[in-house]
Amino acid sequence: MSLAKAVISGTVYRAPEKRFTSNNVPISAFAMNISDTEETLVRVIAKGNLAATVEETIQKGDRVVVEGRLQNNTVKNEDGSEKRIVEIDAYAMEKLAGSSSSASAPAAKNSPDTLVQFGQTDFSDDLIGEDEIPF
């Protein structure tokens, strides 16, 4: 069980970029703004089938909900200095239907957003037996 599990929502800030590992596994990465008032970016990384789905359906400006493992990474800036960033290693993603790429159909006022499911999650590892509870 991972203690770094996170569920975040926000707006896709940078369009997904698709790459492949040396084993030909697709990886898609994009930046997501998780704040409405200021620019707070989180890098989202999707692998395998989820990466292919992200590349086909997610665009800059879309509102998404991402579920995955929270992690820190160190990257080099253009000037050579190192910078720590927050990443989500995604295993499930939902696109809010009212986002910019589906703006051709106007949403009804005050109606809840509908969700489009992108990934299957298995919560069997999250179950804790009665004898494992410390109190």
N, C-alpha and C. Protein backbone atom coordinates (compact mmCIF):
# COMPACT_ATOMS: atom_id res chain seq x y z
N MET A 1 0.84 -1.17 0.00
CA MET A 1 0.00 0.00 0.00
C MET A 1 0.89 1.24 0.00
N SER A 2 0.61 2.17 -0.88
CA SER A 2 1.38 3.40 -0.98
C SER A 2 0.76 4.50 -0.14
N LEU A 3 1.58 5.16 0.66
CA LEU A 3 1.09 6.27 1.46
C LEU A 3 1.11 7.57 0.68
N ALA A 4 1.63 7.57 -0.52
CA ALA A 4 1.73 8.78 -1.32
C ALA A 4 0.63 8.84 -2.38
N LYS A 5 -0.49 8.20 -2.15
CA LYS A 5 -1.60 8.20 -3.10
C LYS A 5 -2.24 9.58 -3.12
N ALA A 6 -2.55 10.07 -4.32
CA ALA A 6 -3.13 11.40 -4.45
C ALA A 6 -4.21 11.39 -5.52
N VAL A 7 -5.22 12.21 -5.30
CA VAL A 7 -6.25 12.47 -6.29
C VAL A 7 -6.30 13.99 -6.44
N ILE A 8 -6.00 14.49 -7.64
CA ILE A 8 -5.99 15.92 -7.86
C ILE A 8 -6.84 16.27 -9.07
N SER A 9 -7.32 17.50 -9.10
CA SER A 9 -8.06 17.97 -10.26
C SER A 9 -7.48 19.31 -10.69
N GLY A 10 -7.62 19.60 -11.95
CA GLY A 10 -7.11 20.87 -12.46
C GLY A 10 -7.27 20.96 -13.96
N THR A 11 -6.57 21.94 -14.52
CA THR A 11 -6.64 22.23 -15.95
C THR A 11 -5.32 21.85 -16.60
N VAL A 12 -5.41 21.19 -17.75
CA VAL A 12 -4.20 20.82 -18.48
C VAL A 12 -3.53 22.10 -18.97
N TYR A 13 -2.32 22.33 -18.51
CA TYR A 13 -1.58 23.56 -18.79
C TYR A 13 -0.75 23.43 -20.06
N ARG A 14 -0.16 22.27 -20.26
CA ARG A 14 0.64 21.97 -21.44
C ARG A 14 0.14 20.67 -22.05
N ALA A 15 -0.01 20.65 -23.36
CA ALA A 15 -0.53 19.46 -24.06
C ALA A 15 0.37 18.25 -23.80
N PRO A 16 -0.22 17.05 -23.79
CA PRO A 16 0.57 15.83 -23.55
C PRO A 16 1.64 15.60 -24.61
N GLU A 17 2.79 15.13 -24.15
CA GLU A 17 3.90 14.75 -25.03
C GLU A 17 4.10 13.25 -24.88
N LYS A 18 4.12 12.55 -26.01
CA LYS A 18 4.25 11.09 -25.98
C LYS A 18 5.67 10.69 -26.34
N ARG A 19 6.22 9.76 -25.55
CA ARG A 19 7.54 9.18 -25.79
C ARG A 19 7.42 7.67 -25.59
N PHE A 20 8.50 6.97 -25.88
CA PHE A 20 8.55 5.53 -25.68
C PHE A 20 9.81 5.17 -24.90
N THR A 21 9.69 4.17 -24.02
CA THR A 21 10.85 3.66 -23.31
C THR A 21 11.66 2.77 -24.24
N SER A 22 12.80 2.30 -23.77
CA SER A 22 13.62 1.40 -24.59
C SER A 22 12.91 0.07 -24.85
N ASN A 23 11.94 -0.27 -24.00
CA ASN A 23 11.14 -1.49 -24.18
C ASN A 23 9.87 -1.23 -24.99
N ASN A 24 9.78 -0.05 -25.62
CA ASN A 24 8.65 0.34 -26.46
C ASN A 24 7.34 0.51 -25.68
N VAL A 25 7.43 0.91 -24.41
CA VAL A 25 6.26 1.21 -23.60
C VAL A 25 5.95 2.69 -23.75
N PRO A 26 4.71 3.04 -24.15
CA PRO A 26 4.38 4.46 -24.32
C PRO A 26 4.29 5.19 -22.98
N ILE A 27 4.81 6.42 -22.95
CA ILE A 27 4.72 7.29 -21.79
C ILE A 27 4.22 8.64 -22.27
N SER A 28 3.21 9.16 -21.61
CA SER A 28 2.68 10.47 -21.94
C SER A 28 2.79 11.36 -20.71
N ALA A 29 3.31 12.57 -20.89
CA ALA A 29 3.47 13.50 -19.77
C ALA A 29 2.89 14.85 -20.14
N PHE A 30 2.25 15.49 -19.15
CA PHE A 30 1.74 16.84 -19.37
C PHE A 30 1.75 17.59 -18.04
N ALA A 31 1.69 18.91 -18.13
CA ALA A 31 1.65 19.76 -16.94
C ALA A 31 0.20 20.14 -16.68
N MET A 32 -0.14 20.18 -15.40
CA MET A 32 -1.51 20.45 -14.98
C MET A 32 -1.49 21.54 -13.91
N ASN A 33 -2.33 22.56 -14.06
CA ASN A 33 -2.45 23.62 -13.07
C ASN A 33 -3.54 23.22 -12.08
N ILE A 34 -3.19 23.11 -10.80
CA ILE A 34 -4.15 22.64 -9.80
C ILE A 34 -4.74 23.77 -8.97
N SER A 35 -4.45 25.02 -9.33
CA SER A 35 -4.95 26.16 -8.57
C SER A 35 -5.80 27.05 -9.47
N ASP A 36 -6.85 27.63 -8.90
CA ASP A 36 -7.69 28.56 -9.65
C ASP A 36 -7.18 29.99 -9.55
N THR A 37 -6.40 30.29 -8.51
CA THR A 37 -5.99 31.67 -8.27
C THR A 37 -4.56 31.97 -8.71
N GLU A 38 -3.68 31.00 -8.68
CA GLU A 38 -2.29 31.22 -9.08
C GLU A 38 -1.81 30.00 -9.84
N GLU A 39 -0.65 30.14 -10.48
CA GLU A 39 -0.11 29.04 -11.27
C GLU A 39 0.62 28.05 -10.37
N THR A 40 0.02 26.88 -10.14
CA THR A 40 0.61 25.81 -9.36
C THR A 40 0.62 24.57 -10.25
N LEU A 41 1.79 24.25 -10.81
CA LEU A 41 1.87 23.18 -11.80
C LEU A 41 2.32 21.87 -11.18
N VAL A 42 1.70 20.80 -11.65
CA VAL A 42 2.06 19.43 -11.28
C VAL A 42 2.25 18.67 -12.58
N ARG A 43 3.32 17.91 -12.66
CA ARG A 43 3.58 17.09 -13.85
C ARG A 43 2.85 15.76 -13.68
N VAL A 44 2.14 15.35 -14.72
CA VAL A 44 1.40 14.09 -14.71
C VAL A 44 2.05 13.15 -15.72
N ILE A 45 2.34 11.92 -15.27
CA ILE A 45 2.97 10.91 -16.12
C ILE A 45 2.05 9.71 -16.21
N ALA A 46 1.70 9.33 -17.44
CA ALA A 46 0.86 8.15 -17.67
C ALA A 46 1.66 7.16 -18.51
N LYS A 47 1.49 5.87 -18.21
CA LYS A 47 2.24 4.83 -18.90
C LYS A 47 1.29 3.80 -19.50
N GLY A 48 1.78 3.09 -20.51
CA GLY A 48 1.03 1.98 -21.10
C GLY A 48 -0.24 2.42 -21.81
N ASN A 49 -1.32 1.68 -21.57
CA ASN A 49 -2.60 1.97 -22.22
C ASN A 49 -3.14 3.34 -21.83
N LEU A 50 -2.92 3.74 -20.58
CA LEU A 50 -3.38 5.05 -20.14
C LEU A 50 -2.67 6.16 -20.92
N ALA A 51 -1.39 5.98 -21.24
CA ALA A 51 -0.64 6.97 -22.02
C ALA A 51 -1.23 7.12 -23.41
N ALA A 52 -1.60 6.02 -24.03
CA ALA A 52 -2.20 6.08 -25.37
C ALA A 52 -3.54 6.80 -25.33
N THR A 53 -4.33 6.53 -24.30
CA THR A 53 -5.63 7.19 -24.15
C THR A 53 -5.46 8.68 -23.91
N VAL A 54 -4.50 9.04 -23.06
CA VAL A 54 -4.23 10.45 -22.78
C VAL A 54 -3.85 11.19 -24.06
N GLU A 55 -2.98 10.61 -24.83
CA GLU A 55 -2.50 11.25 -26.06
C GLU A 55 -3.65 11.50 -27.04
N GLU A 56 -4.61 10.58 -27.09
CA GLU A 56 -5.72 10.69 -28.03
C GLU A 56 -6.82 11.65 -27.56
N THR A 57 -7.00 11.81 -26.25
CA THR A 57 -8.18 12.51 -25.76
C THR A 57 -7.93 13.78 -24.97
N ILE A 58 -6.76 13.96 -24.41
CA ILE A 58 -6.50 15.12 -23.55
C ILE A 58 -5.83 16.23 -24.35
N GLN A 59 -6.33 17.45 -24.18
CA GLN A 59 -5.77 18.62 -24.86
C GLN A 59 -5.54 19.73 -23.85
N LYS A 60 -4.74 20.69 -24.23
CA LYS A 60 -4.49 21.86 -23.39
C LYS A 60 -5.83 22.55 -23.10
N GLY A 61 -6.06 22.89 -21.84
CA GLY A 61 -7.30 23.55 -21.43
C GLY A 61 -8.36 22.62 -20.88
N ASP A 62 -8.20 21.31 -21.06
CA ASP A 62 -9.17 20.34 -20.54
C ASP A 62 -9.11 20.30 -19.01
N ARG A 63 -10.26 20.09 -18.38
CA ARG A 63 -10.32 19.87 -16.93
C ARG A 63 -10.28 18.37 -16.70
N VAL A 64 -9.38 17.91 -15.83
CA VAL A 64 -9.22 16.49 -15.57
C VAL A 64 -9.06 16.22 -14.08
N VAL A 65 -9.37 14.99 -13.70
CA VAL A 65 -9.11 14.47 -12.36
C VAL A 65 -8.13 13.32 -12.53
N VAL A 66 -7.03 13.36 -11.78
CA VAL A 66 -5.97 12.36 -11.91
C VAL A 66 -5.79 11.65 -10.58
N GLU A 67 -5.68 10.33 -10.64
CA GLU A 67 -5.41 9.53 -9.45
C GLU A 67 -4.10 8.79 -9.68
N GLY A 68 -3.22 8.85 -8.68
CA GLY A 68 -1.94 8.19 -8.84
C GLY A 68 -1.06 8.32 -7.62
N ARG A 69 0.22 8.04 -7.82
CA ARG A 69 1.20 8.08 -6.73
C ARG A 69 1.95 9.40 -6.80
N LEU A 70 1.96 10.12 -5.69
CA LEU A 70 2.65 11.40 -5.59
C LEU A 70 4.15 11.16 -5.41
N GLN A 71 4.97 11.89 -6.16
CA GLN A 71 6.42 11.73 -6.04
C GLN A 71 7.11 13.06 -6.36
N ASN A 72 8.33 13.22 -5.85
CA ASN A 72 9.17 14.37 -6.15
C ASN A 72 10.23 13.95 -7.15
N ASN A 73 10.64 14.88 -8.00
CA ASN A 73 11.69 14.61 -8.97
C ASN A 73 12.56 15.86 -9.08
N THR A 74 13.80 15.68 -9.44
CA THR A 74 14.70 16.80 -9.66
C THR A 74 15.01 16.88 -11.15
N VAL A 75 14.79 18.06 -11.73
CA VAL A 75 15.06 18.27 -13.15
C VAL A 75 16.00 19.46 -13.30
N LYS A 76 16.69 19.52 -14.44
CA LYS A 76 17.59 20.64 -14.71
C LYS A 76 16.86 21.70 -15.52
N ASN A 77 17.01 22.96 -15.09
CA ASN A 77 16.46 24.09 -15.83
C ASN A 77 17.32 24.37 -17.06
N GLU A 78 16.86 25.30 -17.88
CA GLU A 78 17.60 25.68 -19.08
C GLU A 78 18.96 26.27 -18.73
N ASP A 79 19.07 26.92 -17.56
CA ASP A 79 20.34 27.52 -17.16
C ASP A 79 21.27 26.54 -16.45
N GLY A 80 20.85 25.28 -16.33
CA GLY A 80 21.68 24.25 -15.72
C GLY A 80 21.44 24.01 -14.25
N SER A 81 20.66 24.87 -13.61
CA SER A 81 20.37 24.68 -12.19
C SER A 81 19.32 23.59 -12.00
N GLU A 82 19.34 22.95 -10.84
CA GLU A 82 18.38 21.89 -10.55
C GLU A 82 17.16 22.45 -9.84
N LYS A 83 16.02 21.84 -10.14
CA LYS A 83 14.75 22.29 -9.57
C LYS A 83 13.95 21.06 -9.17
N ARG A 84 13.34 21.10 -8.00
CA ARG A 84 12.48 20.00 -7.55
C ARG A 84 11.06 20.26 -8.04
N ILE A 85 10.45 19.21 -8.57
CA ILE A 85 9.07 19.32 -9.04
C ILE A 85 8.24 18.20 -8.43
N VAL A 86 6.93 18.43 -8.38
CA VAL A 86 5.98 17.43 -7.89
C VAL A 86 5.40 16.73 -9.11
N GLU A 87 5.33 15.40 -9.05
CA GLU A 87 4.79 14.60 -10.14
C GLU A 87 3.72 13.66 -9.60
N ILE A 88 2.81 13.29 -10.48
CA ILE A 88 1.84 12.24 -10.20
C ILE A 88 2.08 11.13 -11.21
N ASP A 89 2.41 9.94 -10.72
CA ASP A 89 2.53 8.76 -11.57
C ASP A 89 1.11 8.20 -11.68
N ALA A 90 0.40 8.57 -12.73
CA ALA A 90 -1.04 8.32 -12.84
C ALA A 90 -1.35 6.87 -13.17
N TYR A 91 -2.41 6.36 -12.53
CA TYR A 91 -2.93 5.06 -12.92
C TYR A 91 -4.41 5.12 -13.24
N ALA A 92 -5.05 6.27 -13.05
CA ALA A 92 -6.44 6.47 -13.46
C ALA A 92 -6.63 7.96 -13.74
N MET A 93 -7.47 8.26 -14.71
CA MET A 93 -7.72 9.65 -15.06
C MET A 93 -9.15 9.79 -15.55
N GLU A 94 -9.77 10.90 -15.19
CA GLU A 94 -11.12 11.20 -15.65
C GLU A 94 -11.11 12.60 -16.24
N LYS A 95 -11.73 12.74 -17.39
CA LYS A 95 -11.84 14.05 -18.03
C LYS A 95 -13.23 14.60 -17.73
N LEU A 96 -13.27 15.82 -17.24
CA LEU A 96 -14.55 16.45 -16.98
C LEU A 96 -15.16 16.85 -18.32
N ALA A 97 -16.41 16.47 -18.55
CA ALA A 97 -17.03 16.66 -19.85
C ALA A 97 -17.23 18.12 -20.22
N GLY A 98 -17.23 19.02 -19.27
CA GLY A 98 -17.43 20.44 -19.55
C GLY A 98 -16.16 21.17 -19.93
N SER A 99 -15.07 20.45 -20.25
CA SER A 99 -13.79 21.10 -20.53
C SER A 99 -13.75 21.65 -21.95
N SER A 100 -12.66 22.34 -22.28
CA SER A 100 -12.58 23.12 -23.52
C SER A 100 -12.71 22.28 -24.79
N SER A 101 -12.20 21.05 -24.82
CA SER A 101 -12.26 20.27 -26.05
C SER A 101 -13.66 19.77 -26.35
N SER A 102 -14.54 19.80 -25.35
CA SER A 102 -15.92 19.39 -25.59
C SER A 102 -16.84 20.61 -25.51
N ALA A 103 -16.32 21.80 -25.80
CA ALA A 103 -17.07 23.03 -25.66
C ALA A 103 -18.08 23.24 -26.78
N SER A 104 -18.11 22.39 -27.78
CA SER A 104 -19.06 22.57 -28.87
C SER A 104 -20.49 22.38 -28.41
N ALA A 105 -20.71 21.56 -27.39
CA ALA A 105 -22.04 21.39 -26.83
C ALA A 105 -22.10 22.16 -25.52
N PRO A 106 -22.94 23.23 -25.44
CA PRO A 106 -22.97 24.02 -24.22
C PRO A 106 -23.53 23.23 -23.06
N ALA A 107 -22.91 23.39 -21.90
CA ALA A 107 -23.37 22.69 -20.70
C ALA A 107 -24.56 23.42 -20.11
N ALA A 108 -25.48 22.66 -19.54
CA ALA A 108 -26.63 23.26 -18.90
C ALA A 108 -26.18 24.01 -17.65
N LYS A 109 -26.80 25.16 -17.40
CA LYS A 109 -26.39 25.98 -16.26
C LYS A 109 -26.72 25.26 -14.96
N ASN A 110 -25.79 25.30 -14.01
CA ASN A 110 -25.93 24.68 -12.69
C ASN A 110 -26.06 23.17 -12.73
N SER A 111 -25.69 22.54 -13.83
CA SER A 111 -25.74 21.07 -13.87
C SER A 111 -24.38 20.53 -13.46
N PRO A 112 -24.35 19.38 -12.79
CA PRO A 112 -23.05 18.81 -12.39
C PRO A 112 -22.29 18.32 -13.60
N ASP A 113 -20.95 18.39 -13.52
CA ASP A 113 -20.12 17.88 -14.60
C ASP A 113 -20.25 16.37 -14.67
N THR A 114 -20.31 15.86 -15.88
CA THR A 114 -20.29 14.41 -16.05
C THR A 114 -18.85 13.98 -16.26
N LEU A 115 -18.54 12.77 -15.87
CA LEU A 115 -17.18 12.27 -15.93
C LEU A 115 -17.05 11.20 -16.99
N VAL A 116 -15.91 11.19 -17.65
CA VAL A 116 -15.57 10.15 -18.60
C VAL A 116 -14.44 9.35 -17.98
N GLN A 117 -14.66 8.07 -17.71
CA GLN A 117 -13.67 7.22 -17.03
C GLN A 117 -12.61 6.77 -18.02
N PHE A 118 -11.30 6.92 -17.65
CA PHE A 118 -10.20 6.51 -18.51
C PHE A 118 -9.45 5.30 -18.03
N GLY A 119 -9.50 4.99 -16.75
CA GLY A 119 -8.67 3.90 -16.25
C GLY A 119 -9.42 3.05 -15.25
N GLN A 120 -8.97 1.85 -15.09
CA GLN A 120 -9.54 0.95 -14.10
C GLN A 120 -8.61 0.91 -12.90
N THR A 121 -9.15 1.02 -11.71
CA THR A 121 -8.32 0.95 -10.51
C THR A 121 -8.66 -0.31 -9.74
N ASP A 122 -7.67 -0.86 -9.11
CA ASP A 122 -7.84 -2.05 -8.29
C ASP A 122 -7.50 -1.67 -6.86
N PHE A 123 -8.50 -1.64 -6.00
CA PHE A 123 -8.30 -1.21 -4.63
C PHE A 123 -8.07 -2.37 -3.68
N SER A 124 -7.79 -3.56 -4.19
CA SER A 124 -7.63 -4.72 -3.32
C SER A 124 -6.45 -4.56 -2.37
N ASP A 125 -5.40 -3.83 -2.75
CA ASP A 125 -4.25 -3.62 -1.87
C ASP A 125 -4.56 -2.64 -0.75
N ASP A 126 -5.61 -1.84 -0.91
CA ASP A 126 -5.94 -0.83 0.08
C ASP A 126 -6.75 -1.39 1.25
N LEU A 127 -7.25 -2.60 1.13
CA LEU A 127 -8.06 -3.17 2.19
C LEU A 127 -7.18 -3.61 3.35
N ILE A 128 -7.60 -3.27 4.55
CA ILE A 128 -6.84 -3.61 5.76
C ILE A 128 -7.69 -4.56 6.59
N GLY A 129 -7.09 -5.66 6.99
CA GLY A 129 -7.80 -6.62 7.82
C GLY A 129 -8.03 -6.09 9.22
N GLU A 130 -9.02 -6.63 9.90
CA GLU A 130 -9.36 -6.20 11.26
C GLU A 130 -8.18 -6.36 12.22
N ASP A 131 -7.38 -7.42 12.05
CA ASP A 131 -6.26 -7.65 12.95
C ASP A 131 -5.07 -6.72 12.69
N GLU A 132 -5.10 -5.94 11.61
CA GLU A 132 -4.01 -5.03 11.29
C GLU A 132 -4.24 -3.62 11.84
N ILE A 133 -5.42 -3.32 12.34
CA ILE A 133 -5.71 -2.00 12.88
C ILE A 133 -5.04 -1.88 14.25
N PRO A 134 -4.24 -0.82 14.47
CA PRO A 134 -3.42 -0.74 15.69
C PRO A 134 -4.17 -0.33 16.95
N PHE A 135 -5.46 -0.19 16.94
CA PHE A 135 -6.17 0.20 18.17
C PHE A 135 -7.36 -0.69 18.42
